Amino acid sequence: QVQLVESGGGLVQPGGSLRLSCAASGNMFSIYRWGWYRQVPGKQREMVAEINSPGYTNYPDSVKGRFTISRDNAKNTVYLQMNNLKPEDTAVYYCNAHDAHTGDYWGQGTQVTVSS
């Protein structure tokens, strides 16, 4: 089992920045991919950033150049740095850990609102 706790969401003006954190605990031996997803009401959850064990990252075009995922193995924490935020980035953001044997784990989500 893996437990994930997100923090760092909030209200920010367009053009602003936020950094989300995902603190992980539990058995992470088989986790080979970490990710951040977001969801708005009525829409499917979408991936916005992922990083695998060797450190390769992947982003959709909608956030490329603005969002950066990173991890601190010593702190068991994954971060999402979000810059130049836009109103369309407003969503609940979820941390994800993918285990090779047991599948996906999710945090409880943190709200990000981009509004003036």
N, C-alpha and C. Protein backbone atom coordinates (compact mmCIF):
# COMPACT_ATOMS: atom_id res chain seq x y z
N GLN A 1 0.83 -1.19 0.00
CA GLN A 1 0.00 0.00 0.00
C GLN A 1 0.87 1.25 0.00
N VAL A 2 0.39 2.25 -0.71
CA VAL A 2 1.08 3.54 -0.77
C VAL A 2 0.07 4.63 -0.43
N GLN A 3 0.46 5.54 0.43
CA GLN A 3 -0.40 6.67 0.78
C GLN A 3 0.21 7.94 0.19
N LEU A 4 -0.66 8.76 -0.39
CA LEU A 4 -0.24 10.00 -1.03
C LEU A 4 -1.05 11.17 -0.46
N VAL A 5 -0.36 12.23 -0.09
CA VAL A 5 -1.03 13.41 0.45
C VAL A 5 -0.54 14.64 -0.31
N GLU A 6 -1.46 15.30 -1.00
CA GLU A 6 -1.13 16.50 -1.75
C GLU A 6 -1.28 17.75 -0.88
N SER A 7 -0.54 18.77 -1.24
CA SER A 7 -0.68 20.08 -0.61
C SER A 7 -0.19 21.14 -1.58
N GLY A 8 -0.52 22.39 -1.27
CA GLY A 8 -0.01 23.49 -2.06
C GLY A 8 -1.00 24.15 -3.00
N GLY A 9 -2.21 23.63 -3.06
CA GLY A 9 -3.21 24.26 -3.92
C GLY A 9 -3.69 25.57 -3.34
N GLY A 10 -4.49 26.28 -4.13
CA GLY A 10 -5.02 27.54 -3.65
C GLY A 10 -5.50 28.41 -4.79
N LEU A 11 -5.73 29.66 -4.46
CA LEU A 11 -6.20 30.66 -5.43
C LEU A 11 -5.01 31.50 -5.91
N VAL A 12 -4.88 31.63 -7.21
CA VAL A 12 -3.78 32.42 -7.77
C VAL A 12 -4.31 33.20 -8.97
N GLN A 13 -3.72 34.36 -9.21
CA GLN A 13 -4.13 35.16 -10.36
C GLN A 13 -3.51 34.61 -11.65
N PRO A 14 -4.15 34.88 -12.77
CA PRO A 14 -3.55 34.47 -14.06
C PRO A 14 -2.13 35.00 -14.20
N GLY A 15 -1.25 34.15 -14.68
CA GLY A 15 0.16 34.51 -14.79
C GLY A 15 0.98 34.15 -13.57
N GLY A 16 0.31 33.77 -12.51
CA GLY A 16 1.00 33.44 -11.26
C GLY A 16 1.54 32.02 -11.26
N SER A 17 2.12 31.66 -10.11
CA SER A 17 2.74 30.35 -9.96
C SER A 17 2.27 29.67 -8.67
N LEU A 18 2.31 28.36 -8.70
CA LEU A 18 2.06 27.54 -7.51
C LEU A 18 2.96 26.32 -7.58
N ARG A 19 3.30 25.80 -6.42
CA ARG A 19 4.01 24.53 -6.38
C ARG A 19 3.21 23.56 -5.53
N LEU A 20 2.83 22.45 -6.16
CA LEU A 20 2.14 21.39 -5.45
C LEU A 20 3.15 20.37 -4.95
N SER A 21 2.84 19.80 -3.79
CA SER A 21 3.68 18.75 -3.22
C SER A 21 2.84 17.50 -2.99
N CYS A 22 3.49 16.36 -3.14
CA CYS A 22 2.85 15.07 -2.89
C CYS A 22 3.78 14.26 -2.00
N ALA A 23 3.38 14.12 -0.74
CA ALA A 23 4.16 13.34 0.20
C ALA A 23 3.72 11.89 0.16
N ALA A 24 4.66 11.00 -0.06
CA ALA A 24 4.34 9.57 -0.20
C ALA A 24 4.87 8.79 0.99
N SER A 25 4.12 7.75 1.35
CA SER A 25 4.56 6.85 2.41
C SER A 25 4.07 5.45 2.08
N GLY A 26 4.65 4.47 2.76
CA GLY A 26 4.26 3.09 2.52
C GLY A 26 5.31 2.34 1.72
N ASN A 27 4.87 1.27 1.08
CA ASN A 27 5.76 0.41 0.32
C ASN A 27 5.89 0.93 -1.11
N MET A 28 6.98 1.62 -1.39
CA MET A 28 7.19 2.24 -2.69
C MET A 28 8.22 1.50 -3.53
N PHE A 29 8.54 0.28 -3.13
CA PHE A 29 9.60 -0.46 -3.80
C PHE A 29 9.32 -0.66 -5.27
N SER A 30 8.04 -0.90 -5.62
CA SER A 30 7.70 -1.22 -7.01
C SER A 30 7.09 -0.04 -7.77
N ILE A 31 7.13 1.14 -7.22
CA ILE A 31 6.62 2.32 -7.93
C ILE A 31 7.60 2.69 -9.01
N TYR A 32 7.15 2.72 -10.26
CA TYR A 32 8.07 3.07 -11.33
C TYR A 32 7.65 4.31 -12.10
N ARG A 33 6.48 4.88 -11.76
CA ARG A 33 6.06 6.10 -12.41
C ARG A 33 5.21 6.93 -11.45
N TRP A 34 5.54 8.21 -11.37
CA TRP A 34 4.80 9.18 -10.58
C TRP A 34 4.15 10.19 -11.54
N GLY A 35 2.98 10.65 -11.15
CA GLY A 35 2.32 11.59 -12.06
C GLY A 35 1.42 12.56 -11.33
N TRP A 36 1.08 13.62 -12.03
CA TRP A 36 0.07 14.57 -11.59
C TRP A 36 -1.04 14.59 -12.63
N TYR A 37 -2.26 14.55 -12.14
CA TYR A 37 -3.44 14.60 -12.99
C TYR A 37 -4.35 15.71 -12.50
N ARG A 38 -5.26 16.12 -13.35
CA ARG A 38 -6.26 17.11 -12.92
C ARG A 38 -7.63 16.75 -13.48
N GLN A 39 -8.64 17.26 -12.78
CA GLN A 39 -10.01 16.95 -13.20
C GLN A 39 -10.91 18.13 -12.87
N VAL A 40 -11.78 18.44 -13.83
CA VAL A 40 -12.83 19.43 -13.61
C VAL A 40 -14.16 18.70 -13.69
N PRO A 41 -15.18 19.23 -13.04
CA PRO A 41 -16.49 18.55 -13.06
C PRO A 41 -16.99 18.29 -14.48
N GLY A 42 -17.44 17.07 -14.71
CA GLY A 42 -17.99 16.72 -16.01
C GLY A 42 -16.97 16.29 -17.05
N LYS A 43 -15.70 16.30 -16.68
CA LYS A 43 -14.66 15.91 -17.63
C LYS A 43 -13.82 14.78 -17.06
N GLN A 44 -13.16 14.06 -17.96
CA GLN A 44 -12.27 12.99 -17.53
C GLN A 44 -11.02 13.55 -16.88
N ARG A 45 -10.48 12.77 -15.99
CA ARG A 45 -9.20 13.13 -15.37
C ARG A 45 -8.12 13.06 -16.45
N GLU A 46 -7.25 14.08 -16.48
CA GLU A 46 -6.21 14.12 -17.50
C GLU A 46 -4.83 14.24 -16.85
N MET A 47 -3.87 13.60 -17.50
CA MET A 47 -2.50 13.66 -17.03
C MET A 47 -1.90 15.02 -17.41
N VAL A 48 -1.20 15.65 -16.48
CA VAL A 48 -0.51 16.91 -16.78
C VAL A 48 0.99 16.79 -16.63
N ALA A 49 1.47 15.75 -15.97
CA ALA A 49 2.91 15.57 -15.85
C ALA A 49 3.18 14.18 -15.30
N GLU A 50 4.25 13.55 -15.76
CA GLU A 50 4.65 12.27 -15.21
C GLU A 50 6.17 12.14 -15.29
N ILE A 51 6.69 11.35 -14.36
CA ILE A 51 8.13 11.10 -14.31
C ILE A 51 8.33 9.64 -13.96
N ASN A 52 9.22 8.97 -14.68
CA ASN A 52 9.43 7.55 -14.40
C ASN A 52 10.73 7.35 -13.63
N SER A 53 11.00 6.07 -13.34
CA SER A 53 12.13 5.77 -12.46
C SER A 53 13.46 6.34 -12.94
N PRO A 54 13.78 6.23 -14.25
CA PRO A 54 15.06 6.83 -14.70
C PRO A 54 15.05 8.35 -14.69
N GLY A 55 13.89 8.95 -14.50
CA GLY A 55 13.82 10.40 -14.44
C GLY A 55 13.29 11.07 -15.69
N TYR A 56 12.84 10.29 -16.65
CA TYR A 56 12.27 10.88 -17.86
C TYR A 56 10.90 11.47 -17.55
N THR A 57 10.62 12.62 -18.15
CA THR A 57 9.37 13.32 -17.89
C THR A 57 8.53 13.41 -19.17
N ASN A 58 7.24 13.61 -18.95
CA ASN A 58 6.32 13.71 -20.08
C ASN A 58 5.22 14.69 -19.71
N TYR A 59 4.86 15.56 -20.67
CA TYR A 59 3.83 16.56 -20.46
C TYR A 59 2.94 16.66 -21.70
N PRO A 60 1.68 16.95 -21.51
CA PRO A 60 0.84 17.24 -22.69
C PRO A 60 1.16 18.65 -23.19
N ASP A 61 0.78 18.92 -24.42
CA ASP A 61 1.09 20.21 -25.01
C ASP A 61 0.47 21.38 -24.23
N SER A 62 -0.66 21.12 -23.58
CA SER A 62 -1.38 22.19 -22.88
C SER A 62 -0.58 22.79 -21.73
N VAL A 63 0.38 22.06 -21.18
CA VAL A 63 1.15 22.57 -20.04
C VAL A 63 2.65 22.60 -20.31
N LYS A 64 3.08 22.07 -21.45
CA LYS A 64 4.50 21.98 -21.73
C LYS A 64 5.13 23.37 -21.72
N GLY A 65 6.25 23.48 -21.04
CA GLY A 65 6.93 24.76 -20.91
C GLY A 65 6.46 25.59 -19.72
N ARG A 66 5.35 25.20 -19.12
CA ARG A 66 4.82 25.92 -17.96
C ARG A 66 4.87 25.09 -16.67
N PHE A 67 4.68 23.78 -16.79
CA PHE A 67 4.68 22.89 -15.63
C PHE A 67 5.95 22.06 -15.62
N THR A 68 6.43 21.79 -14.42
CA THR A 68 7.62 20.94 -14.25
C THR A 68 7.40 19.98 -13.10
N ILE A 69 7.58 18.71 -13.37
CA ILE A 69 7.48 17.69 -12.32
C ILE A 69 8.89 17.34 -11.86
N SER A 70 9.02 17.11 -10.56
CA SER A 70 10.31 16.70 -10.02
C SER A 70 10.06 15.83 -8.79
N ARG A 71 11.08 15.17 -8.34
CA ARG A 71 10.93 14.33 -7.16
C ARG A 71 12.17 14.45 -6.30
N ASP A 72 11.95 14.31 -5.00
CA ASP A 72 13.02 14.30 -4.01
C ASP A 72 12.94 12.95 -3.32
N ASN A 73 13.80 12.02 -3.74
CA ASN A 73 13.73 10.66 -3.21
C ASN A 73 14.03 10.63 -1.71
N ALA A 74 14.87 11.50 -1.25
CA ALA A 74 15.22 11.52 0.17
C ALA A 74 14.01 11.91 1.03
N LYS A 75 13.14 12.75 0.47
CA LYS A 75 11.96 13.20 1.21
C LYS A 75 10.70 12.45 0.80
N ASN A 76 10.83 11.50 -0.13
CA ASN A 76 9.65 10.77 -0.64
C ASN A 76 8.56 11.73 -1.08
N THR A 77 8.95 12.74 -1.81
CA THR A 77 8.02 13.79 -2.22
C THR A 77 8.17 14.07 -3.71
N VAL A 78 7.02 14.25 -4.36
CA VAL A 78 6.98 14.63 -5.76
C VAL A 78 6.36 16.03 -5.84
N TYR A 79 6.92 16.86 -6.69
CA TYR A 79 6.47 18.24 -6.82
C TYR A 79 5.93 18.51 -8.22
N LEU A 80 5.06 19.50 -8.28
CA LEU A 80 4.61 20.03 -9.57
C LEU A 80 4.72 21.55 -9.49
N GLN A 81 5.70 22.09 -10.18
CA GLN A 81 5.85 23.54 -10.27
C GLN A 81 5.03 24.03 -11.45
N MET A 82 4.11 24.94 -11.18
CA MET A 82 3.22 25.46 -12.22
C MET A 82 3.45 26.96 -12.36
N ASN A 83 3.87 27.37 -13.53
CA ASN A 83 4.13 28.78 -13.82
C ASN A 83 3.19 29.28 -14.91
N ASN A 84 3.06 30.59 -14.98
CA ASN A 84 2.21 31.23 -15.99
C ASN A 84 0.83 30.57 -16.04
N LEU A 85 0.22 30.45 -14.88
CA LEU A 85 -1.06 29.76 -14.79
C LEU A 85 -2.16 30.52 -15.53
N LYS A 86 -3.07 29.73 -16.08
CA LYS A 86 -4.18 30.26 -16.86
C LYS A 86 -5.50 29.84 -16.22
N PRO A 87 -6.58 30.57 -16.48
CA PRO A 87 -7.87 30.16 -15.90
C PRO A 87 -8.25 28.72 -16.25
N GLU A 88 -7.85 28.25 -17.41
CA GLU A 88 -8.19 26.88 -17.81
C GLU A 88 -7.40 25.82 -17.06
N ASP A 89 -6.44 26.25 -16.24
CA ASP A 89 -5.73 25.31 -15.38
C ASP A 89 -6.51 25.03 -14.09
N THR A 90 -7.59 25.74 -13.88
CA THR A 90 -8.41 25.52 -12.69
C THR A 90 -8.95 24.10 -12.67
N ALA A 91 -8.69 23.39 -11.59
CA ALA A 91 -9.10 21.98 -11.47
C ALA A 91 -8.69 21.47 -10.10
N VAL A 92 -9.13 20.26 -9.80
CA VAL A 92 -8.60 19.53 -8.66
C VAL A 92 -7.41 18.72 -9.18
N TYR A 93 -6.29 18.86 -8.53
CA TYR A 93 -5.07 18.18 -8.95
C TYR A 93 -4.81 16.98 -8.04
N TYR A 94 -4.49 15.86 -8.67
CA TYR A 94 -4.26 14.61 -7.96
C TYR A 94 -2.86 14.07 -8.22
N CYS A 95 -2.26 13.57 -7.18
CA CYS A 95 -0.99 12.88 -7.30
C CYS A 95 -1.27 11.40 -7.57
N ASN A 96 -0.43 10.80 -8.39
CA ASN A 96 -0.59 9.40 -8.77
C ASN A 96 0.74 8.67 -8.65
N ALA A 97 0.66 7.45 -8.16
CA ALA A 97 1.82 6.56 -8.14
C ALA A 97 1.41 5.25 -8.79
N HIS A 98 2.19 4.79 -9.75
CA HIS A 98 1.86 3.55 -10.44
C HIS A 98 2.82 2.46 -10.01
N ASP A 99 2.24 1.42 -9.41
CA ASP A 99 3.02 0.28 -8.93
C ASP A 99 2.99 -0.82 -9.98
N ALA A 100 4.14 -1.42 -10.23
CA ALA A 100 4.23 -2.44 -11.27
C ALA A 100 3.35 -3.66 -10.96
N HIS A 101 3.06 -3.91 -9.71
CA HIS A 101 2.31 -5.11 -9.32
C HIS A 101 0.88 -4.82 -8.88
N THR A 102 0.66 -3.71 -8.23
CA THR A 102 -0.66 -3.46 -7.61
C THR A 102 -1.44 -2.35 -8.28
N GLY A 103 -0.84 -1.67 -9.27
CA GLY A 103 -1.60 -0.66 -10.01
C GLY A 103 -1.45 0.74 -9.47
N ASP A 104 -2.53 1.52 -9.59
CA ASP A 104 -2.49 2.96 -9.31
C ASP A 104 -2.92 3.29 -7.89
N TYR A 105 -2.21 4.28 -7.33
CA TYR A 105 -2.59 4.89 -6.07
C TYR A 105 -2.84 6.38 -6.31
N TRP A 106 -3.81 6.94 -5.57
CA TRP A 106 -4.19 8.34 -5.75
C TRP A 106 -4.24 9.06 -4.42
N GLY A 107 -3.90 10.34 -4.47
CA GLY A 107 -4.11 11.17 -3.31
C GLY A 107 -5.54 11.67 -3.27
N GLN A 108 -5.84 12.53 -2.30
CA GLN A 108 -7.19 13.01 -2.10
C GLN A 108 -7.50 14.22 -2.98
N GLY A 109 -6.48 14.82 -3.57
CA GLY A 109 -6.66 15.96 -4.45
C GLY A 109 -6.50 17.29 -3.74
N THR A 110 -6.07 18.28 -4.50
CA THR A 110 -5.96 19.64 -3.98
C THR A 110 -6.48 20.60 -5.04
N GLN A 111 -7.28 21.57 -4.60
CA GLN A 111 -7.93 22.48 -5.53
C GLN A 111 -6.98 23.59 -5.96
N VAL A 112 -6.91 23.83 -7.25
CA VAL A 112 -6.18 24.96 -7.81
C VAL A 112 -7.18 25.82 -8.57
N THR A 113 -7.26 27.08 -8.20
CA THR A 113 -8.17 28.02 -8.86
C THR A 113 -7.36 29.19 -9.39
N VAL A 114 -7.48 29.44 -10.67
CA VAL A 114 -6.78 30.55 -11.32
C VAL A 114 -7.82 31.57 -11.74
N SER A 115 -7.81 32.70 -11.05
CA SER A 115 -8.85 33.70 -11.30
C SER A 115 -8.37 35.06 -10.82
N SER A 116 -8.83 36.09 -11.51
CA SER A 116 -8.51 37.44 -11.07
C SER A 116 -9.61 38.00 -10.18
